[in-house]
Amino acid sequence: MDIAIRPARPEEYPTVAEITAEAYLGDGLLDFGESDRYLGKLRDVAGRAAVAEVLVAVDGERVLGSVTFVTDGSPMADFARAGEAEIRMLAVAREARGRGAGEALVRACVGRARALEGGCARVVLSTQGGMHSAHRVYERVGFTRTPDRDWNPLPELDDIRLLTYELTLRHTP
């Protein structure tokens, strides 16, 4: 398989939406299944693309997966601080998993962070505890756990905890 990474095209947004929704639903990552309010955000690719960069991994014209790359100050940032970029909503189609698409998407985000004008100190991301395959990808790329930054996106539900990772690109004073 020959994987290329590029920005998602508007005509691919429905495919990206479906791959992302299916990845989260199929892996049991949405606590409330089809009625989970986060599902709408996962499917809103046009909304994400308006305030962040949605990248796709493709084999020819076939979309294998996607990721949202969020820069400093974007409303899409969940927990990134000044000088940090954030990786969001990484998803790979079930039939394309294990072939390097997820890792290629993560590496593309790191490359974009390195290329940002003015420099980016770190790339951060949050993930669910059960996403073990994704954790292995992040660690292979060089991300390390930052438990002091773990957080709960729904404070009214005390049983949800997102794990955080970061990759330091340059040290800041």
C-alpha atoms as a PDB file:
ATOM      1  CA  MET A   1       0.000   0.000   0.000  1.00  0.00           C
ATOM      2  CA  ASP A   2       1.309   3.423  -0.985  1.00  0.00           C
ATOM      3  CA  ILE A   3       0.105   5.947   1.628  1.00  0.00           C
ATOM      4  CA  ALA A   4       0.111   9.674   0.950  1.00  0.00           C
ATOM      5  CA  ILE A   5      -0.917  12.397   3.407  1.00  0.00           C
ATOM      6  CA  ARG A   6      -2.643  15.551   2.222  1.00  0.00           C
ATOM      7  CA  PRO A   7      -5.377  18.004   3.251  1.00  0.00           C
ATOM      8  CA  ALA A   8      -8.882  16.587   2.981  1.00  0.00           C
ATOM      9  CA  ARG A   9     -10.917  17.813   0.010  1.00  0.00           C
ATOM     10  CA  PRO A  10     -14.495  19.017   0.604  1.00  0.00           C
ATOM     11  CA  GLU A  11     -15.892  16.168  -1.500  1.00  0.00           C
ATOM     12  CA  GLU A  12     -14.147  13.737   0.888  1.00  0.00           C
ATOM     13  CA  TYR A  13     -15.717  15.200   4.029  1.00  0.00           C
ATOM     14  CA  PRO A  14     -18.607  12.673   4.084  1.00  0.00           C
ATOM     15  CA  THR A  15     -16.113   9.779   3.826  1.00  0.00           C
ATOM     16  CA  VAL A  16     -13.913  11.279   6.546  1.00  0.00           C
ATOM     17  CA  ALA A  17     -16.994  11.775   8.731  1.00  0.00           C
ATOM     18  CA  GLU A  18     -18.046   8.156   8.302  1.00  0.00           C
ATOM     19  CA  ILE A  19     -14.576   6.720   8.914  1.00  0.00           C
ATOM     20  CA  THR A  20     -14.198   8.826  12.064  1.00  0.00           C
ATOM     21  CA  ALA A  21     -17.658   8.014  13.415  1.00  0.00           C
ATOM     22  CA  GLU A  22     -17.253   4.300  12.659  1.00  0.00           C
ATOM     23  CA  ALA A  23     -13.831   4.165  14.297  1.00  0.00           C
ATOM     24  CA  TYR A  24     -15.124   5.693  17.530  1.00  0.00           C
ATOM     25  CA  LEU A  25     -18.407   3.741  17.544  1.00  0.00           C
ATOM     26  CA  GLY A  26     -16.872   0.449  16.417  1.00  0.00           C
ATOM     27  CA  ASP A  27     -14.163   0.593  19.063  1.00  0.00           C
ATOM     28  CA  GLY A  28     -16.671   1.444  21.807  1.00  0.00           C
ATOM     29  CA  LEU A  29     -15.045   4.819  22.465  1.00  0.00           C
ATOM     30  CA  LEU A  30     -18.285   6.772  22.827  1.00  0.00           C
ATOM     31  CA  ASP A  31     -19.818   6.254  26.245  1.00  0.00           C
ATOM     32  CA  PHE A  32     -23.331   6.910  24.946  1.00  0.00           C
ATOM     33  CA  GLY A  33     -23.017   5.164  21.569  1.00  0.00           C
ATOM     34  CA  GLU A  34     -25.133   6.643  18.763  1.00  0.00           C
ATOM     35  CA  SER A  35     -26.628   9.196  21.178  1.00  0.00           C
ATOM     36  CA  ASP A  36     -23.228  10.519  22.330  1.00  0.00           C
ATOM     37  CA  ARG A  37     -23.057  14.268  21.722  1.00  0.00           C
ATOM     38  CA  TYR A  38     -19.403  13.962  20.629  1.00  0.00           C
ATOM     39  CA  LEU A  39     -20.513  11.959  17.592  1.00  0.00           C
ATOM     40  CA  GLY A  40     -21.844  15.151  15.991  1.00  0.00           C
ATOM     41  CA  LYS A  41     -18.440  16.793  16.406  1.00  0.00           C
ATOM     42  CA  LEU A  42     -16.710  13.780  14.896  1.00  0.00           C
ATOM     43  CA  ARG A  43     -18.982  13.971  11.856  1.00  0.00           C
ATOM     44  CA  ASP A  44     -18.650  17.761  11.413  1.00  0.00           C
ATOM     45  CA  VAL A  45     -15.621  17.660   9.120  1.00  0.00           C
ATOM     46  CA  ALA A  46     -16.481  20.963   7.412  1.00  0.00           C
ATOM     47  CA  GLY A  47     -16.674  22.648  10.821  1.00  0.00           C
ATOM     48  CA  ARG A  48     -13.282  21.253  11.784  1.00  0.00           C
ATOM     49  CA  ALA A  49     -11.739  22.219   8.455  1.00  0.00           C
ATOM     50  CA  ALA A  50     -12.925  25.815   8.928  1.00  0.00           C
ATOM     51  CA  VAL A  51     -10.780  26.268  12.077  1.00  0.00           C
ATOM     52  CA  ALA A  52      -8.081  23.586  11.807  1.00  0.00           C
ATOM     53  CA  GLU A  53      -6.384  21.394   9.222  1.00  0.00           C
ATOM     54  CA  VAL A  54      -8.041  18.071   8.434  1.00  0.00           C
ATOM     55  CA  LEU A  55      -5.532  15.688   6.884  1.00  0.00           C
ATOM     56  CA  VAL A  56      -6.248  12.399   5.167  1.00  0.00           C
ATOM     57  CA  ALA A  57      -4.174   9.302   4.539  1.00  0.00           C
ATOM     58  CA  VAL A  58      -4.929   8.027   1.065  1.00  0.00           C
ATOM     59  CA  ASP A  59      -3.965   5.085  -1.100  1.00  0.00           C
ATOM     60  CA  GLY A  60      -4.539   6.493  -4.565  1.00  0.00           C
ATOM     61  CA  GLU A  61      -7.909   8.180  -4.176  1.00  0.00           C
ATOM     62  CA  ARG A  62      -9.121   5.861  -1.393  1.00  0.00           C
ATOM     63  CA  VAL A  63      -9.315   7.598   2.009  1.00  0.00           C
ATOM     64  CA  LEU A  64      -7.844   5.334   4.691  1.00  0.00           C
ATOM     65  CA  GLY A  65      -8.037   7.641   7.690  1.00  0.00           C
ATOM     66  CA  SER A  66      -7.847  11.189   8.938  1.00  0.00           C
ATOM     67  CA  VAL A  67      -6.632  13.463  11.694  1.00  0.00           C
ATOM     68  CA  THR A  68      -7.290  17.052  12.716  1.00  0.00           C
ATOM     69  CA  PHE A  69      -4.190  19.206  13.267  1.00  0.00           C
ATOM     70  CA  VAL A  70      -4.907  22.139  15.559  1.00  0.00           C
ATOM     71  CA  THR A  71      -2.579  25.101  15.894  1.00  0.00           C
ATOM     72  CA  ASP A  72      -2.129  27.509  18.776  1.00  0.00           C
ATOM     73  CA  GLY A  73      -5.222  29.603  19.403  1.00  0.00           C
ATOM     74  CA  SER A  74      -7.695  27.516  17.387  1.00  0.00           C
ATOM     75  CA  PRO A  75     -11.135  26.973  18.921  1.00  0.00           C
ATOM     76  CA  MET A  76     -10.565  23.258  18.234  1.00  0.00           C
ATOM     77  CA  ALA A  77      -7.826  23.089  20.886  1.00  0.00           C
ATOM     78  CA  ASP A  78      -8.951  21.071  23.890  1.00  0.00           C
ATOM     79  CA  PHE A  79      -6.021  21.552  26.209  1.00  0.00           C
ATOM     80  CA  ALA A  80      -3.060  22.887  24.208  1.00  0.00           C
ATOM     81  CA  ARG A  81      -1.239  25.836  25.713  1.00  0.00           C
ATOM     82  CA  ALA A  82       0.431  28.749  23.955  1.00  0.00           C
ATOM     83  CA  GLY A  83       3.188  27.491  21.657  1.00  0.00           C
ATOM     84  CA  GLU A  84       1.674  24.020  21.341  1.00  0.00           C
ATOM     85  CA  ALA A  85      -0.109  22.261  18.489  1.00  0.00           C
ATOM     86  CA  GLU A  86      -2.681  19.573  19.162  1.00  0.00           C
ATOM     87  CA  ILE A  87      -3.621  16.354  17.395  1.00  0.00           C
ATOM     88  CA  ARG A  88      -7.342  15.552  17.453  1.00  0.00           C
ATOM     89  CA  MET A  89      -9.714  12.893  16.167  1.00  0.00           C
ATOM     90  CA  LEU A  90      -7.230  10.438  14.668  1.00  0.00           C
ATOM     91  CA  ALA A  91      -9.183   7.667  12.958  1.00  0.00           C
ATOM     92  CA  VAL A  92      -8.305   4.900  10.509  1.00  0.00           C
ATOM     93  CA  ALA A  93     -10.813   2.734   8.660  1.00  0.00           C
ATOM     94  CA  ARG A  94     -10.979  -0.750  10.143  1.00  0.00           C
ATOM     95  CA  GLU A  95      -9.876  -2.430   6.899  1.00  0.00           C
ATOM     96  CA  ALA A  96      -6.813  -0.144   6.658  1.00  0.00           C
ATOM     97  CA  ARG A  97      -5.542  -0.606  10.212  1.00  0.00           C
ATOM     98  CA  GLY A  98      -2.089  -2.008  10.863  1.00  0.00           C
ATOM     99  CA  ARG A  99      -0.716  -0.694   7.567  1.00  0.00           C
ATOM    100  CA  GLY A 100       0.883   2.532   8.789  1.00  0.00           C
ATOM    101  CA  ALA A 101      -1.837   5.075   7.964  1.00  0.00           C
ATOM    102  CA  GLY A 102      -2.273   6.186  11.582  1.00  0.00           C
ATOM    103  CA  GLU A 103       1.440   6.607  12.144  1.00  0.00           C
ATOM    104  CA  ALA A 104       1.808   8.487   8.841  1.00  0.00           C
ATOM    105  CA  LEU A 105      -0.939  10.901   9.928  1.00  0.00           C
ATOM    106  CA  VAL A 106       0.717  11.496  13.311  1.00  0.00           C
ATOM    107  CA  ARG A 107       4.103  12.069  11.672  1.00  0.00           C
ATOM    108  CA  ALA A 108       2.516  14.519   9.229  1.00  0.00           C
ATOM    109  CA  CYS A 109       1.136  16.522  12.170  1.00  0.00           C
ATOM    110  CA  VAL A 110       4.574  16.576  13.792  1.00  0.00           C
ATOM    111  CA  GLY A 111       6.080  17.765  10.504  1.00  0.00           C
ATOM    112  CA  ARG A 112       3.524  20.552  10.268  1.00  0.00           C
ATOM    113  CA  ALA A 113       4.223  21.594  13.854  1.00  0.00           C
ATOM    114  CA  ARG A 114       7.960  21.761  13.143  1.00  0.00           C
ATOM    115  CA  ALA A 115       7.291  23.922  10.075  1.00  0.00           C
ATOM    116  CA  LEU A 116       5.070  26.474  11.835  1.00  0.00           C
ATOM    117  CA  GLU A 117       6.402  29.999  11.567  1.00  0.00           C
ATOM    118  CA  GLY A 118       7.794  31.083  14.908  1.00  0.00           C
ATOM    119  CA  GLY A 119       8.220  27.477  15.953  1.00  0.00           C
ATOM    120  CA  CYS A 120       6.094  25.186  17.995  1.00  0.00           C
ATOM    121  CA  ALA A 121       7.437  24.008  21.340  1.00  0.00           C
ATOM    122  CA  ARG A 122       5.329  20.862  21.636  1.00  0.00           C
ATOM    123  CA  VAL A 123       2.685  18.716  20.020  1.00  0.00           C
ATOM    124  CA  VAL A 124       0.097  17.420  22.464  1.00  0.00           C
ATOM    125  CA  LEU A 125      -2.815  15.022  22.295  1.00  0.00           C
ATOM    126  CA  SER A 126      -5.304  13.329  24.546  1.00  0.00           C
ATOM    127  CA  THR A 127      -6.530   9.782  24.202  1.00  0.00           C
ATOM    128  CA  GLN A 128      -8.721   7.279  25.974  1.00  0.00           C
ATOM    129  CA  GLY A 129      -7.132   4.691  28.216  1.00  0.00           C
ATOM    130  CA  GLY A 130      -8.317   1.780  26.087  1.00  0.00           C
ATOM    131  CA  MET A 131      -6.783   3.027  22.833  1.00  0.00           C
ATOM    132  CA  HIS A 132      -3.707   0.813  23.224  1.00  0.00           C
ATOM    133  CA  SER A 133      -2.858   0.602  19.509  1.00  0.00           C
ATOM    134  CA  ALA A 134      -2.896   4.394  19.262  1.00  0.00           C
ATOM    135  CA  HIS A 135      -0.705   4.674  22.380  1.00  0.00           C
ATOM    136  CA  ARG A 136       1.874   2.439  20.712  1.00  0.00           C
ATOM    137  CA  VAL A 137       1.855   4.645  17.605  1.00  0.00           C
ATOM    138  CA  TYR A 138       2.350   7.803  19.682  1.00  0.00           C
ATOM    139  CA  GLU A 139       5.215   6.244  21.612  1.00  0.00           C
ATOM    140  CA  ARG A 140       6.896   5.003  18.409  1.00  0.00           C
ATOM    141  CA  VAL A 141       6.829   8.559  17.084  1.00  0.00           C
ATOM    142  CA  GLY A 142       8.419   9.814  20.327  1.00  0.00           C
ATOM    143  CA  PHE A 143       5.493  11.077  22.390  1.00  0.00           C
ATOM    144  CA  THR A 144       5.669  10.593  26.152  1.00  0.00           C
ATOM    145  CA  ARG A 145       2.879  10.438  28.722  1.00  0.00           C
ATOM    146  CA  THR A 146       2.099  13.586  30.688  1.00  0.00           C
ATOM    147  CA  PRO A 147      -0.155  12.357  33.493  1.00  0.00           C
ATOM    148  CA  ASP A 148      -0.123  15.771  35.169  1.00  0.00           C
ATOM    149  CA  ARG A 149      -2.150  17.058  32.194  1.00  0.00           C
ATOM    150  CA  ASP A 150      -4.741  14.245  32.093  1.00  0.00           C
ATOM    151  CA  TRP A 151      -8.229  15.738  32.068  1.00  0.00           C
ATOM    152  CA  ASN A 152     -11.956  15.093  32.016  1.00  0.00           C
ATOM    153  CA  PRO A 153     -13.939  16.572  29.097  1.00  0.00           C
ATOM    154  CA  LEU A 154     -17.200  16.034  30.998  1.00  0.00           C
ATOM    155  CA  PRO A 155     -16.601  17.096  34.607  1.00  0.00           C
ATOM    156  CA  GLU A 156     -20.198  16.183  35.484  1.00  0.00           C
ATOM    157  CA  LEU A 157     -19.207  12.533  34.859  1.00  0.00           C
ATOM    158  CA  ASP A 158     -16.353  11.607  37.176  1.00  0.00           C
ATOM    159  CA  ASP A 159     -15.563   8.282  35.460  1.00  0.00           C
ATOM    160  CA  ILE A 160     -14.149   9.818  32.251  1.00  0.00           C
ATOM    161  CA  ARG A 161     -10.435  10.560  32.145  1.00  0.00           C
ATOM    162  CA  LEU A 162      -8.403  11.323  29.034  1.00  0.00           C
ATOM    163  CA  LEU A 163      -4.717  10.459  29.040  1.00  0.00           C
ATOM    164  CA  THR A 164      -2.322  13.010  27.595  1.00  0.00           C
ATOM    165  CA  TYR A 165       0.887  12.750  25.609  1.00  0.00           C
ATOM    166  CA  GLU A 166       3.349  15.312  24.333  1.00  0.00           C
ATOM    167  CA  LEU A 167       6.271  15.502  21.972  1.00  0.00           C
ATOM    168  CA  THR A 168       8.756  18.266  22.743  1.00  0.00           C
ATOM    169  CA  LEU A 169      10.074  19.926  19.591  1.00  0.00           C
ATOM    170  CA  ARG A 170      12.110  22.633  21.262  1.00  0.00           C
ATOM    171  CA  HIS A 171      12.753  23.561  24.851  1.00  0.00           C
ATOM    172  CA  THR A 172      11.404  26.863  26.057  1.00  0.00           C
ATOM    173  CA  PRO A 173      12.974  29.009  28.773  1.00  0.00           C
END
